[in-house]
Amino acid sequence: MMKIPLFKIYWDDADIDSVNRVIKRGNYWATGPEIDHLEKAISKFIGTKYAVSFNSGTSALHADLLAHKITEGEVIIPSFTFIATANAVVLAGARPVFADIEKDTFGLDSEARHLQIFGLRNEQSLSECSGESFSQQTGY
């Protein structure tokens, strides 16, 4: 069975020089001219008036939940995710509910989501109803 790495980092000398320049500046690690440039470039590229960058995925997810006024109740999240997904839900005041993932895409399984939405809360039942669990699908 082929194992797929969760990520691979690519960089070159220009990336290292950029990071060193920001660190040596001594402040503005999460703000500053590079961030302004990035946000303006993204805004222009996607055709919006504004774009906002965050210091972490957790912060971005948390802000998204608050922007959508999700501060209580349950939020269905994939069972195969980084802990930041669940942490952001908890930080917003809601409760994460894990649903199984699809074998081919590793995205949320629509059948598992349907079962979650309509009241089935038993994780074992979800795995049985949606097929195999993530560990059975991937060998991890």
C-alpha atoms as a PDB file:
ATOM      1  CA  MET A   1       0.000   0.000   0.000  1.00  0.00           C
ATOM      2  CA  MET A   2       1.368   3.429  -0.967  1.00  0.00           C
ATOM      3  CA  LYS A   3       1.710   5.909   1.906  1.00  0.00           C
ATOM      4  CA  ILE A   4       1.219   9.565   1.023  1.00  0.00           C
ATOM      5  CA  PRO A   5       3.050  12.144   3.172  1.00  0.00           C
ATOM      6  CA  LEU A   6       0.882  14.777   4.827  1.00  0.00           C
ATOM      7  CA  PHE A   7       3.124  17.548   3.486  1.00  0.00           C
ATOM      8  CA  LYS A   8       6.441  18.296   1.836  1.00  0.00           C
ATOM      9  CA  ILE A   9       8.157  21.638   2.234  1.00  0.00           C
ATOM     10  CA  TYR A  10       9.822  23.293  -0.765  1.00  0.00           C
ATOM     11  CA  TRP A  11      12.149  26.292  -0.426  1.00  0.00           C
ATOM     12  CA  ASP A  12      15.062  27.977  -2.106  1.00  0.00           C
ATOM     13  CA  ASP A  13      17.735  30.506  -1.104  1.00  0.00           C
ATOM     14  CA  ALA A  14      15.407  33.446  -1.800  1.00  0.00           C
ATOM     15  CA  ASP A  15      12.908  32.031   0.735  1.00  0.00           C
ATOM     16  CA  ILE A  16      15.649  31.642   3.337  1.00  0.00           C
ATOM     17  CA  ASP A  17      16.863  35.211   2.703  1.00  0.00           C
ATOM     18  CA  SER A  18      13.309  36.553   3.073  1.00  0.00           C
ATOM     19  CA  VAL A  19      12.750  34.757   6.371  1.00  0.00           C
ATOM     20  CA  ASN A  20      16.113  35.880   7.714  1.00  0.00           C
ATOM     21  CA  ARG A  21      15.356  39.514   6.751  1.00  0.00           C
ATOM     22  CA  VAL A  22      12.060  39.432   8.684  1.00  0.00           C
ATOM     23  CA  ILE A  23      13.625  37.768  11.732  1.00  0.00           C
ATOM     24  CA  LYS A  24      16.548  40.218  11.803  1.00  0.00           C
ATOM     25  CA  ARG A  25      14.108  43.143  11.685  1.00  0.00           C
ATOM     26  CA  GLY A  26      13.144  42.055  15.205  1.00  0.00           C
ATOM     27  CA  ASN A  27       9.406  42.776  15.121  1.00  0.00           C
ATOM     28  CA  TYR A  28       6.377  42.627  12.871  1.00  0.00           C
ATOM     29  CA  TRP A  29       6.593  38.907  12.249  1.00  0.00           C
ATOM     30  CA  ALA A  30       2.838  38.592  11.728  1.00  0.00           C
ATOM     31  CA  THR A  31       2.409  42.068  10.220  1.00  0.00           C
ATOM     32  CA  GLY A  32       4.571  44.422   8.231  1.00  0.00           C
ATOM     33  CA  PRO A  33       5.290  45.198   4.608  1.00  0.00           C
ATOM     34  CA  GLU A  34       5.477  41.562   3.474  1.00  0.00           C
ATOM     35  CA  ILE A  35       2.015  40.852   4.879  1.00  0.00           C
ATOM     36  CA  ASP A  36       0.574  44.008   3.306  1.00  0.00           C
ATOM     37  CA  HIS A  37       2.067  42.986  -0.035  1.00  0.00           C
ATOM     38  CA  LEU A  38       0.725  39.435   0.282  1.00  0.00           C
ATOM     39  CA  GLU A  39      -2.803  40.559   1.162  1.00  0.00           C
ATOM     40  CA  LYS A  40      -2.895  43.081  -1.718  1.00  0.00           C
ATOM     41  CA  ALA A  41      -1.559  40.499  -4.176  1.00  0.00           C
ATOM     42  CA  ILE A  42      -4.133  37.904  -3.110  1.00  0.00           C
ATOM     43  CA  SER A  43      -6.923  40.488  -3.214  1.00  0.00           C
ATOM     44  CA  LYS A  44      -5.957  41.486  -6.739  1.00  0.00           C
ATOM     45  CA  PHE A  45      -5.564  37.877  -7.868  1.00  0.00           C
ATOM     46  CA  ILE A  46      -9.003  36.754  -6.619  1.00  0.00           C
ATOM     47  CA  GLY A  47     -10.732  40.014  -7.516  1.00  0.00           C
ATOM     48  CA  THR A  48     -11.863  41.183  -4.087  1.00  0.00           C
ATOM     49  CA  LYS A  49     -11.542  44.506  -2.333  1.00  0.00           C
ATOM     50  CA  TYR A  50      -9.812  42.934   0.695  1.00  0.00           C
ATOM     51  CA  ALA A  51      -7.884  39.845   1.698  1.00  0.00           C
ATOM     52  CA  VAL A  52      -6.783  38.934   5.215  1.00  0.00           C
ATOM     53  CA  SER A  53      -3.923  36.671   6.209  1.00  0.00           C
ATOM     54  CA  PHE A  54      -3.543  34.974   9.570  1.00  0.00           C
ATOM     55  CA  ASN A  55      -0.635  33.755  11.637  1.00  0.00           C
ATOM     56  CA  SER A  56      -2.022  30.209  11.750  1.00  0.00           C
ATOM     57  CA  GLY A  57      -4.706  27.924  10.408  1.00  0.00           C
ATOM     58  CA  THR A  58      -6.275  27.860  13.856  1.00  0.00           C
ATOM     59  CA  SER A  59      -6.663  31.642  13.851  1.00  0.00           C
ATOM     60  CA  ALA A  60      -8.120  31.590  10.342  1.00  0.00           C
ATOM     61  CA  LEU A  61     -10.650  28.869  11.193  1.00  0.00           C
ATOM     62  CA  HIS A  62     -11.585  30.612  14.450  1.00  0.00           C
ATOM     63  CA  ALA A  63     -12.172  33.929  12.663  1.00  0.00           C
ATOM     64  CA  ASP A  64     -14.247  32.193   9.985  1.00  0.00           C
ATOM     65  CA  LEU A  65     -16.492  30.565  12.587  1.00  0.00           C
ATOM     66  CA  LEU A  66     -16.968  33.879  14.417  1.00  0.00           C
ATOM     67  CA  ALA A  67     -17.647  35.720  11.142  1.00  0.00           C
ATOM     68  CA  HIS A  68     -20.442  33.214  10.474  1.00  0.00           C
ATOM     69  CA  LYS A  69     -21.721  33.627  14.073  1.00  0.00           C
ATOM     70  CA  ILE A  70     -21.031  29.994  14.942  1.00  0.00           C
ATOM     71  CA  THR A  71     -20.509  30.252  18.695  1.00  0.00           C
ATOM     72  CA  GLU A  72     -22.608  27.352  19.986  1.00  0.00           C
ATOM     73  CA  GLY A  73     -24.067  24.021  18.929  1.00  0.00           C
ATOM     74  CA  GLU A  74     -22.269  21.344  16.934  1.00  0.00           C
ATOM     75  CA  VAL A  75     -19.910  21.674  13.991  1.00  0.00           C
ATOM     76  CA  ILE A  76     -19.293  18.588  11.866  1.00  0.00           C
ATOM     77  CA  ILE A  77     -15.626  18.169  10.989  1.00  0.00           C
ATOM     78  CA  PRO A  78     -13.696  15.416   9.195  1.00  0.00           C
ATOM     79  CA  SER A  79     -12.186  12.638  11.296  1.00  0.00           C
ATOM     80  CA  PHE A  80      -8.934  13.024   9.351  1.00  0.00           C
ATOM     81  CA  THR A  81      -7.781  16.534  10.136  1.00  0.00           C
ATOM     82  CA  PHE A  82      -5.231  18.514  12.083  1.00  0.00           C
ATOM     83  CA  ILE A  83      -6.155  19.270  15.708  1.00  0.00           C
ATOM     84  CA  ALA A  84      -6.565  22.965  14.786  1.00  0.00           C
ATOM     85  CA  THR A  85      -9.896  22.150  13.144  1.00  0.00           C
ATOM     86  CA  ALA A  86     -11.403  20.918  16.405  1.00  0.00           C
ATOM     87  CA  ASN A  87      -9.580  23.534  18.488  1.00  0.00           C
ATOM     88  CA  ALA A  88     -11.023  26.393  16.433  1.00  0.00           C
ATOM     89  CA  VAL A  89     -14.545  25.051  16.931  1.00  0.00           C
ATOM     90  CA  VAL A  90     -14.003  24.823  20.699  1.00  0.00           C
ATOM     91  CA  LEU A  91     -12.445  28.319  20.815  1.00  0.00           C
ATOM     92  CA  ALA A  92     -15.532  29.686  19.065  1.00  0.00           C
ATOM     93  CA  GLY A  93     -17.760  28.109  21.735  1.00  0.00           C
ATOM     94  CA  ALA A  94     -19.217  25.248  19.704  1.00  0.00           C
ATOM     95  CA  ARG A  95     -18.641  21.484  19.948  1.00  0.00           C
ATOM     96  CA  PRO A  96     -16.773  19.556  17.235  1.00  0.00           C
ATOM     97  CA  VAL A  97     -18.482  16.398  15.989  1.00  0.00           C
ATOM     98  CA  PHE A  98     -16.299  14.096  13.919  1.00  0.00           C
ATOM     99  CA  ALA A  99     -17.647  12.425  10.787  1.00  0.00           C
ATOM    100  CA  ASP A 100     -15.934   9.807   8.661  1.00  0.00           C
ATOM    101  CA  ILE A 101     -14.133  10.605   5.430  1.00  0.00           C
ATOM    102  CA  GLU A 102     -14.405   9.323   1.869  1.00  0.00           C
ATOM    103  CA  LYS A 103     -11.992   6.631   0.811  1.00  0.00           C
ATOM    104  CA  ASP A 104     -10.944   8.319  -2.437  1.00  0.00           C
ATOM    105  CA  THR A 105     -10.844  12.011  -1.487  1.00  0.00           C
ATOM    106  CA  PHE A 106     -10.231  11.953   2.274  1.00  0.00           C
ATOM    107  CA  GLY A 107     -12.938  14.670   2.432  1.00  0.00           C
ATOM    108  CA  LEU A 108     -16.072  14.463   4.546  1.00  0.00           C
ATOM    109  CA  ASP A 109     -18.217  11.491   3.605  1.00  0.00           C
ATOM    110  CA  SER A 110     -21.654  12.777   2.533  1.00  0.00           C
ATOM    111  CA  GLU A 111     -23.437   9.733   3.976  1.00  0.00           C
ATOM    112  CA  ALA A 112     -21.648  10.127   7.307  1.00  0.00           C
ATOM    113  CA  ARG A 113     -22.523  13.841   7.339  1.00  0.00           C
ATOM    114  CA  HIS A 114     -26.164  13.012   6.631  1.00  0.00           C
ATOM    115  CA  LEU A 115     -26.204  10.541   9.508  1.00  0.00           C
ATOM    116  CA  GLN A 116     -24.554  13.096  11.803  1.00  0.00           C
ATOM    117  CA  ILE A 117     -27.014  15.836  10.894  1.00  0.00           C
ATOM    118  CA  PHE A 118     -30.011  13.590  11.477  1.00  0.00           C
ATOM    119  CA  GLY A 119     -28.993  12.416  14.907  1.00  0.00           C
ATOM    120  CA  LEU A 120     -26.685   9.420  14.683  1.00  0.00           C
ATOM    121  CA  ARG A 121     -23.937  10.208  17.198  1.00  0.00           C
ATOM    122  CA  ASN A 122     -22.156   6.884  17.604  1.00  0.00           C
ATOM    123  CA  GLU A 123     -18.749   7.071  15.905  1.00  0.00           C
ATOM    124  CA  GLN A 124     -18.578   3.284  15.497  1.00  0.00           C
ATOM    125  CA  SER A 125     -21.974   3.281  13.776  1.00  0.00           C
ATOM    126  CA  LEU A 126     -20.814   6.069  11.481  1.00  0.00           C
ATOM    127  CA  SER A 127     -17.782   4.066  10.420  1.00  0.00           C
ATOM    128  CA  GLU A 128     -19.931   1.001   9.793  1.00  0.00           C
ATOM    129  CA  CYS A 129     -22.559   2.959   7.847  1.00  0.00           C
ATOM    130  CA  SER A 130     -20.069   4.837   5.668  1.00  0.00           C
ATOM    131  CA  GLY A 131     -17.823   1.899   4.895  1.00  0.00           C
ATOM    132  CA  GLU A 132     -14.321   1.650   6.231  1.00  0.00           C
ATOM    133  CA  SER A 133     -12.675   3.840   8.833  1.00  0.00           C
ATOM    134  CA  PHE A 134      -9.711   6.001   7.804  1.00  0.00           C
ATOM    135  CA  SER A 135      -7.193   3.588   9.293  1.00  0.00           C
ATOM    136  CA  GLN A 136      -8.730   0.697   7.365  1.00  0.00           C
ATOM    137  CA  GLN A 137      -8.653   2.690   4.123  1.00  0.00           C
ATOM    138  CA  THR A 138      -5.092   3.925   4.304  1.00  0.00           C
ATOM    139  CA  GLY A 139      -3.180   1.544   6.556  1.00  0.00           C
ATOM    140  CA  TYR A 140      -2.256   4.357   8.987  1.00  0.00           C
END
